[in-house]
Amino acid sequence: MNTATSDAVRNRAGRADGPGRYGRVAVLMGGTSAERAISLETGTAVCAALRRAGVDAHTVDVGAGFLREFSRAGFDRAFIALHGRGGEDGTVQGALTTLGVPFTGSGVLGSALAMDKVRSKWVWQSQGLPTPRFLEIGGEEDVRRIEAELGLPVMVKPVHEGSSCGASRVVDADGLVTAWHKARQLDARVLVEQWITGAEYTIGILTDRVLPVIKLETPNEFYDYDAKYVAETTRYICPCGLPGTLQQELGRIALRAFQLVGAAGWGRVDLMLDERRRPWLLEVNTVPGMTSHSLVPMAARHAGMEFDDLVLRILDTSFSAAETGVARGAGQP
């Protein structure tokens, strides 16, 4: 969707007709994943922003019996503020599609592919995009392959979790089995990834717009759960300090990586730059956090977009398939 089309969609579907145009909006949050606490923060902040704009918004904690209660409530559309499995992996997206309820962000395919770190990497590799070498290990017997094939250190993490839940940096062979067990507690599938020495960056995507690049700095071993949501020592640097041409190239790679997995609407792409400033894609987040520590609102603010406006622009993405005829996740690779 080009910029002119995006503006036209926004005028038809959004504030040009006032907040009543959105109807009754469910902010889906909570759920049962390891990221439940963060999702509750995101959903609360999003709902408050929508209400400040005059939107008839209501929080819905997604749990057992959710669909039955959701159907009875008569919602016109959904703002998905769920993180992790059961909300960011295509499950809720499929249910809402079946119910005929428009929703924000990526559809079933994009959500499922982006949530699966291994399959995302297969897609990127097939199209020549850079991502660290990796192995998927199914048991302790596979651990012996890691040092020989990837070297050390490595990152060990669950295939389907976000927010660095269950992730560990391993620097010696003794730590591999422990790290595998830690990841295995959250997911039957475990990814081991070549460690990239360098700086981490993140790039927000809003429809077809690439938001300013943010550099992440933490005294922690890596940008883990504590660095993301708890610590006050994490630094978020925007403008990121990279040359403009390199920022443009990173933006191009991020947008292509986002589109290749079928993601749409909005999201965030995480990557590294190694010591030679070569980029390495890590993952795509199709429902990034919208908390006080979150990165997409930070990038949007540097682009001149305050939090409440960003939330409304994300809600506008729920009109993509319903009113414009543009298939959700149909971005061209």
Protein backbone atom coordinates (compact mmCIF):
# COMPACT_ATOMS: atom_id res chain seq x y z
CA MET A 1 0.00 0.00 0.00
CA ASN A 2 1.62 3.27 -1.06
CA THR A 3 1.49 6.51 0.91
CA ALA A 4 -1.35 7.98 -1.14
CA THR A 5 -3.41 4.84 -0.62
CA SER A 6 -2.63 4.85 3.09
CA ASP A 7 -3.81 8.45 3.37
CA ALA A 8 -7.00 7.64 1.47
CA VAL A 9 -7.70 4.67 3.73
CA ARG A 10 -7.09 6.85 6.75
CA ASN A 11 -9.48 9.53 5.51
CA ARG A 12 -12.24 7.03 4.78
CA ALA A 13 -11.72 4.81 7.79
CA GLY A 14 -10.46 7.06 10.55
CA ARG A 15 -10.85 10.43 12.09
CA ALA A 16 -12.21 12.25 9.04
CA ASP A 17 -15.60 10.84 10.07
CA GLY A 18 -14.95 11.14 13.80
CA PRO A 19 -14.25 8.51 16.46
CA GLY A 20 -17.71 7.01 16.00
CA ARG A 21 -16.46 5.61 12.70
CA TYR A 22 -14.62 2.90 14.60
CA GLY A 23 -17.73 1.63 16.36
CA ARG A 24 -17.39 -0.44 19.51
CA VAL A 25 -13.73 -1.48 19.86
CA ALA A 26 -12.38 -4.41 21.88
CA VAL A 27 -8.79 -4.06 23.10
CA LEU A 28 -7.67 -7.68 23.39
CA MET A 29 -5.05 -8.10 26.10
CA GLY A 30 -3.65 -10.40 28.76
CA GLY A 31 -3.99 -13.96 27.51
CA THR A 32 -2.03 -16.89 28.89
CA SER A 33 1.44 -16.51 27.36
CA ALA A 34 4.68 -15.78 29.19
CA GLU A 35 4.19 -12.15 28.13
CA ARG A 36 0.82 -11.75 29.84
CA ALA A 37 1.97 -9.02 32.24
CA ILE A 38 3.38 -6.88 29.43
CA SER A 39 0.23 -7.39 27.36
CA LEU A 40 -1.90 -6.11 30.23
CA GLU A 41 0.23 -2.95 30.36
CA THR A 42 0.00 -2.52 26.60
CA GLY A 43 -3.76 -3.03 26.51
CA THR A 44 -4.40 -0.65 29.39
CA ALA A 45 -2.33 2.11 27.76
CA VAL A 46 -3.96 1.56 24.35
CA CYS A 47 -7.50 1.60 25.73
CA ALA A 48 -6.83 4.80 27.66
CA ALA A 49 -5.51 6.48 24.49
CA LEU A 50 -8.55 5.39 22.47
CA ARG A 51 -10.93 6.68 25.10
CA ARG A 52 -9.11 10.03 25.20
CA ALA A 53 -9.81 10.24 21.46
CA GLY A 54 -13.49 9.56 22.02
CA VAL A 55 -13.46 5.97 20.78
CA ASP A 56 -15.88 3.53 22.42
CA ALA A 57 -13.09 1.18 23.56
CA HIS A 58 -13.22 -1.65 26.10
CA THR A 59 -10.50 -3.95 27.46
CA VAL A 60 -11.05 -7.69 27.05
CA ASP A 61 -8.80 -10.13 28.91
CA VAL A 62 -8.47 -13.11 26.59
CA GLY A 63 -8.98 -16.41 28.38
CA ALA A 64 -11.18 -19.47 28.41
CA GLY A 65 -14.60 -18.75 26.94
CA PHE A 66 -13.33 -15.52 25.37
CA LEU A 67 -14.92 -16.02 21.94
CA ARG A 68 -18.38 -16.71 23.32
CA GLU A 69 -18.30 -13.59 25.49
CA PHE A 70 -16.72 -11.55 22.68
CA SER A 71 -19.47 -12.49 20.22
CA ARG A 72 -22.23 -11.54 22.68
CA ALA A 73 -20.64 -8.14 23.37
CA GLY A 74 -21.24 -6.91 19.82
CA PHE A 75 -17.82 -5.44 19.06
CA ASP A 76 -17.27 -3.87 15.64
CA ARG A 77 -13.48 -4.31 15.55
CA ALA A 78 -10.55 -5.39 17.68
CA PHE A 79 -7.27 -3.76 18.62
CA ILE A 80 -4.96 -6.73 19.28
CA ALA A 81 -2.68 -5.94 22.23
CA LEU A 82 -1.77 -9.57 22.93
CA HIS A 83 1.89 -10.60 23.02
CA GLY A 84 3.19 -14.12 22.53
CA ARG A 85 1.44 -17.36 21.80
CA GLY A 86 -2.32 -17.45 21.73
CA GLY A 87 -2.52 -13.86 20.54
CA GLU A 88 0.42 -12.93 18.34
CA ASP A 89 0.76 -16.26 16.52
CA GLY A 90 -2.30 -16.22 14.26
CA THR A 91 -4.63 -17.98 16.68
CA VAL A 92 -6.79 -14.99 17.61
CA GLN A 93 -6.40 -13.57 14.11
CA GLY A 94 -7.94 -16.73 12.67
CA ALA A 95 -10.82 -16.66 15.13
CA LEU A 96 -11.59 -13.01 14.39
CA THR A 97 -11.41 -13.66 10.66
CA THR A 98 -13.93 -16.48 11.06
CA LEU A 99 -16.22 -14.18 13.06
CA GLY A 100 -15.88 -11.46 10.43
CA VAL A 101 -14.52 -8.93 12.94
CA PRO A 102 -11.85 -6.55 11.56
CA PHE A 103 -8.65 -6.33 13.60
CA THR A 104 -5.36 -4.46 13.72
CA GLY A 105 -2.07 -5.62 12.30
CA SER A 106 -1.05 -8.83 10.59
CA GLY A 107 -3.32 -11.65 9.51
CA VAL A 108 -3.02 -15.36 10.19
CA LEU A 109 -0.06 -16.11 7.91
CA GLY A 110 2.05 -13.12 8.86
CA SER A 111 1.39 -13.59 12.56
CA ALA A 112 2.23 -17.30 12.49
CA LEU A 113 5.37 -16.95 10.39
CA ALA A 114 6.77 -14.00 12.32
CA MET A 115 6.18 -15.83 15.62
CA ASP A 116 8.21 -18.82 14.40
CA LYS A 117 11.82 -17.65 14.55
CA VAL A 118 13.11 -20.66 12.60
CA ARG A 119 10.68 -20.37 9.70
CA SER A 120 11.25 -16.61 9.53
CA LYS A 121 14.92 -17.32 9.06
CA TRP A 122 14.22 -19.89 6.34
CA VAL A 123 12.16 -17.30 4.44
CA TRP A 124 14.85 -14.63 4.78
CA GLN A 125 17.62 -16.98 3.77
CA SER A 126 15.68 -18.04 0.67
CA GLN A 127 15.56 -14.40 -0.42
CA GLY A 128 19.16 -13.57 0.42
CA LEU A 129 18.53 -11.51 3.56
CA PRO A 130 21.19 -11.74 6.29
CA THR A 131 20.38 -13.58 9.52
CA PRO A 132 22.75 -15.29 11.99
CA ARG A 133 23.51 -18.98 11.46
CA PHE A 134 21.39 -21.24 13.66
CA LEU A 135 20.38 -24.73 14.70
CA GLU A 136 17.13 -26.05 16.08
CA ILE A 137 17.80 -28.62 18.79
CA GLY A 138 15.32 -31.22 19.96
CA GLY A 139 17.19 -32.82 22.84
CA GLU A 140 20.36 -32.94 24.93
CA GLU A 141 22.00 -35.17 22.32
CA ASP A 142 21.86 -32.28 19.83
CA VAL A 143 23.69 -29.93 22.20
CA ARG A 144 27.01 -31.54 21.25
CA ARG A 145 26.60 -30.23 17.69
CA ILE A 146 26.41 -26.60 18.71
CA GLU A 147 30.02 -25.82 19.51
CA ALA A 148 31.25 -27.61 16.39
CA GLU A 149 28.78 -25.99 13.98
CA LEU A 150 28.20 -22.52 15.44
CA GLY A 151 31.07 -21.95 17.85
CA LEU A 152 30.67 -20.07 21.11
CA PRO A 153 29.15 -17.87 22.42
CA VAL A 154 25.60 -18.49 21.18
CA MET A 155 22.05 -17.36 21.98
CA VAL A 156 19.64 -20.08 23.10
CA LYS A 157 15.94 -19.21 23.02
CA PRO A 158 12.46 -20.67 22.56
CA VAL A 159 11.28 -20.64 18.95
CA HIS A 160 7.88 -19.12 19.77
CA GLU A 161 8.47 -16.70 22.64
CA GLY A 162 9.05 -12.95 22.68
CA SER A 163 10.40 -10.37 25.13
CA SER A 164 13.52 -12.57 25.52
CA CYS A 165 11.53 -14.97 27.72
CA GLY A 166 13.59 -18.12 28.25
CA ALA A 167 16.58 -16.72 26.36
CA SER A 168 20.20 -17.16 27.46
CA ARG A 169 23.62 -16.17 26.19
CA VAL A 170 25.94 -19.16 26.51
CA VAL A 171 29.71 -18.67 26.59
CA ASP A 172 30.96 -22.19 27.32
CA ALA A 173 29.96 -25.80 26.69
CA ASP A 174 28.91 -26.36 30.31
CA GLY A 175 26.12 -23.82 29.98
CA LEU A 176 24.50 -25.28 26.86
CA VAL A 177 22.40 -27.99 28.52
CA THR A 178 21.23 -25.60 31.26
CA ALA A 179 20.20 -23.01 28.67
CA TRP A 180 18.40 -25.65 26.61
CA HIS A 181 16.40 -26.77 29.65
CA LYS A 182 15.50 -23.15 30.46
CA ALA A 183 14.17 -22.53 26.94
CA ARG A 184 12.50 -25.95 26.82
CA GLN A 185 10.32 -25.03 29.80
CA LEU A 186 8.54 -22.51 27.58
CA ASP A 187 8.58 -24.23 24.19
CA ALA A 188 9.01 -27.70 22.75
CA ARG A 189 11.21 -26.15 20.06
CA VAL A 190 14.50 -24.45 20.91
CA LEU A 191 16.64 -22.27 18.65
CA VAL A 192 20.39 -21.83 19.03
CA GLU A 193 21.74 -18.83 17.17
CA GLN A 194 25.24 -17.67 16.34
CA TRP A 195 26.24 -14.81 18.63
CA ILE A 196 26.78 -11.53 16.77
CA THR A 197 29.20 -9.13 18.43
CA GLY A 198 28.00 -5.63 17.82
CA ALA A 199 25.17 -3.21 18.49
CA GLU A 200 21.44 -3.97 18.51
CA TYR A 201 18.93 -1.81 16.67
CA THR A 202 15.19 -1.86 16.23
CA ILE A 203 13.01 -0.42 13.47
CA GLY A 204 9.29 0.22 13.74
CA ILE A 205 7.00 -0.25 10.75
CA LEU A 206 3.65 1.55 10.36
CA THR A 207 1.84 0.42 7.19
CA ASP A 208 4.52 1.09 4.57
CA ARG A 209 6.36 3.70 6.64
CA VAL A 210 9.72 2.97 8.25
CA LEU A 211 10.05 4.75 11.59
CA PRO A 212 13.37 6.14 12.89
CA VAL A 213 16.03 3.59 13.83
CA ILE A 214 16.65 3.18 17.57
CA LYS A 215 19.94 1.92 19.00
CA LEU A 216 19.71 -0.14 22.18
CA GLU A 217 22.41 -0.10 24.85
CA THR A 218 22.35 -2.06 28.10
CA PRO A 219 24.95 -3.00 30.71
CA ASN A 220 23.26 -6.41 30.88
CA GLU A 221 24.74 -9.36 29.04
CA PHE A 222 22.22 -8.77 26.27
CA TYR A 223 18.93 -6.93 25.74
CA ASP A 224 16.98 -9.33 27.96
CA TYR A 225 13.60 -9.13 29.73
CA ASP A 226 15.06 -7.09 32.59
CA ALA A 227 16.66 -4.60 30.20
CA LYS A 228 13.42 -4.28 28.26
CA TYR A 229 10.91 -3.82 31.06
CA VAL A 230 12.55 -3.33 34.45
CA ALA A 231 16.00 -1.76 34.39
CA GLU A 232 16.48 1.99 34.31
CA THR A 233 20.00 1.60 32.93
CA THR A 234 18.96 0.73 29.37
CA ARG A 235 19.69 3.49 26.88
CA TYR A 236 17.51 4.13 23.83
CA ILE A 237 19.38 6.26 21.32
CA CYS A 238 17.36 8.03 18.65
CA PRO A 239 18.64 9.50 16.39
CA CYS A 240 20.78 6.39 16.42
CA GLY A 241 23.99 8.04 15.19
CA LEU A 242 24.45 5.94 12.05
CA PRO A 243 25.10 7.61 8.67
CA GLY A 244 21.90 8.45 6.82
CA THR A 245 22.66 6.09 3.94
CA LEU A 246 23.15 3.18 6.35
CA GLN A 247 19.92 4.00 8.17
CA GLN A 248 18.09 3.97 4.85
CA GLU A 249 19.60 0.61 3.99
CA LEU A 250 18.60 -0.84 7.36
CA GLY A 251 15.10 0.50 6.84
CA ARG A 252 14.90 -1.14 3.42
CA ILE A 253 16.05 -4.48 4.85
CA ALA A 254 13.65 -4.23 7.77
CA LEU A 255 10.64 -3.46 5.58
CA ARG A 256 11.50 -6.29 3.19
CA ALA A 257 11.95 -8.73 6.08
CA PHE A 258 8.58 -7.62 7.47
CA GLN A 259 6.80 -8.07 4.15
CA LEU A 260 8.46 -11.39 3.31
CA VAL A 261 6.93 -13.11 6.34
CA GLY A 262 3.53 -11.73 5.39
CA ALA A 263 3.35 -9.16 8.18
CA ALA A 264 1.16 -6.10 7.66
CA GLY A 265 -0.25 -3.03 9.36
CA TRP A 266 2.37 -2.35 11.98
CA GLY A 267 5.20 -4.05 13.80
CA ARG A 268 8.87 -3.93 14.65
CA VAL A 269 12.00 -5.54 13.22
CA ASP A 270 15.01 -6.26 15.45
CA LEU A 271 18.51 -6.59 14.03
CA MET A 272 22.21 -6.36 14.86
CA LEU A 273 25.11 -4.57 13.25
CA ASP A 274 28.35 -6.45 13.68
CA GLU A 275 31.76 -4.85 14.17
CA ARG A 276 32.04 -4.34 10.40
CA ARG A 277 28.58 -2.73 10.33
CA ARG A 278 27.03 -5.67 8.50
CA PRO A 279 23.31 -6.15 9.33
CA TRP A 280 21.88 -9.38 10.77
CA LEU A 281 18.12 -9.85 11.12
CA LEU A 282 16.91 -11.30 14.42
CA GLU A 283 13.11 -11.31 14.38
CA VAL A 284 9.86 -9.56 13.48
CA ASN A 285 7.36 -8.58 16.17
CA THR A 286 3.81 -8.22 14.82
CA VAL A 287 2.34 -6.86 18.09
CA PRO A 288 5.11 -4.86 19.76
CA GLY A 289 4.73 -3.49 23.25
CA MET A 290 3.01 -0.17 23.87
CA THR A 291 4.26 0.45 27.41
CA SER A 292 6.39 3.15 29.00
CA HIS A 293 9.52 1.23 27.94
CA SER A 294 8.27 0.37 24.45
CA LEU A 295 10.16 1.11 21.27
CA VAL A 296 7.56 1.78 18.57
CA PRO A 297 6.00 4.68 20.52
CA MET A 298 9.50 6.03 21.09
CA ALA A 299 10.33 5.91 17.37
CA ALA A 300 6.97 7.41 16.46
CA ARG A 301 7.56 10.29 18.85
CA HIS A 302 10.87 11.06 17.13
CA ALA A 303 8.93 11.09 13.85
CA GLY A 304 6.56 13.71 15.28
CA MET A 305 3.75 11.34 16.25
CA GLU A 306 2.52 11.30 19.84
CA PHE A 307 1.28 8.12 21.54
CA ASP A 308 -2.45 8.80 21.14
CA ASP A 309 -2.08 9.52 17.43
CA LEU A 310 0.01 6.37 16.97
CA VAL A 311 -2.68 4.27 18.64
CA LEU A 312 -5.33 5.67 16.30
CA ARG A 313 -3.14 5.06 13.27
CA ILE A 314 -2.72 1.45 14.36
CA LEU A 315 -6.48 1.15 14.83
CA ASP A 316 -6.85 2.44 11.26
CA THR A 317 -5.07 -0.70 10.05
CA SER A 318 -8.18 -2.68 11.06
CA PHE A 319 -9.90 -1.18 8.02
CA SER A 320 -7.38 -2.50 5.46
CA ALA A 321 -9.19 -5.65 4.36
CA ALA A 322 -12.68 -4.67 5.39
CA GLU A 323 -13.05 -1.43 3.45
CA THR A 324 -10.25 -1.04 0.90
CA GLY A 325 -10.12 -4.47 -0.71
CA VAL A 326 -6.42 -4.71 0.13
CA ALA A 327 -5.68 -8.22 1.39
CA ARG A 328 -4.18 -8.28 4.87
CA GLY A 329 -0.52 -9.17 4.61
CA ALA A 330 -0.48 -8.68 0.83
CA GLY A 331 2.58 -6.41 0.83
CA GLN A 332 4.88 -7.12 -2.07
CA PRO A 333 8.22 -8.71 -1.12
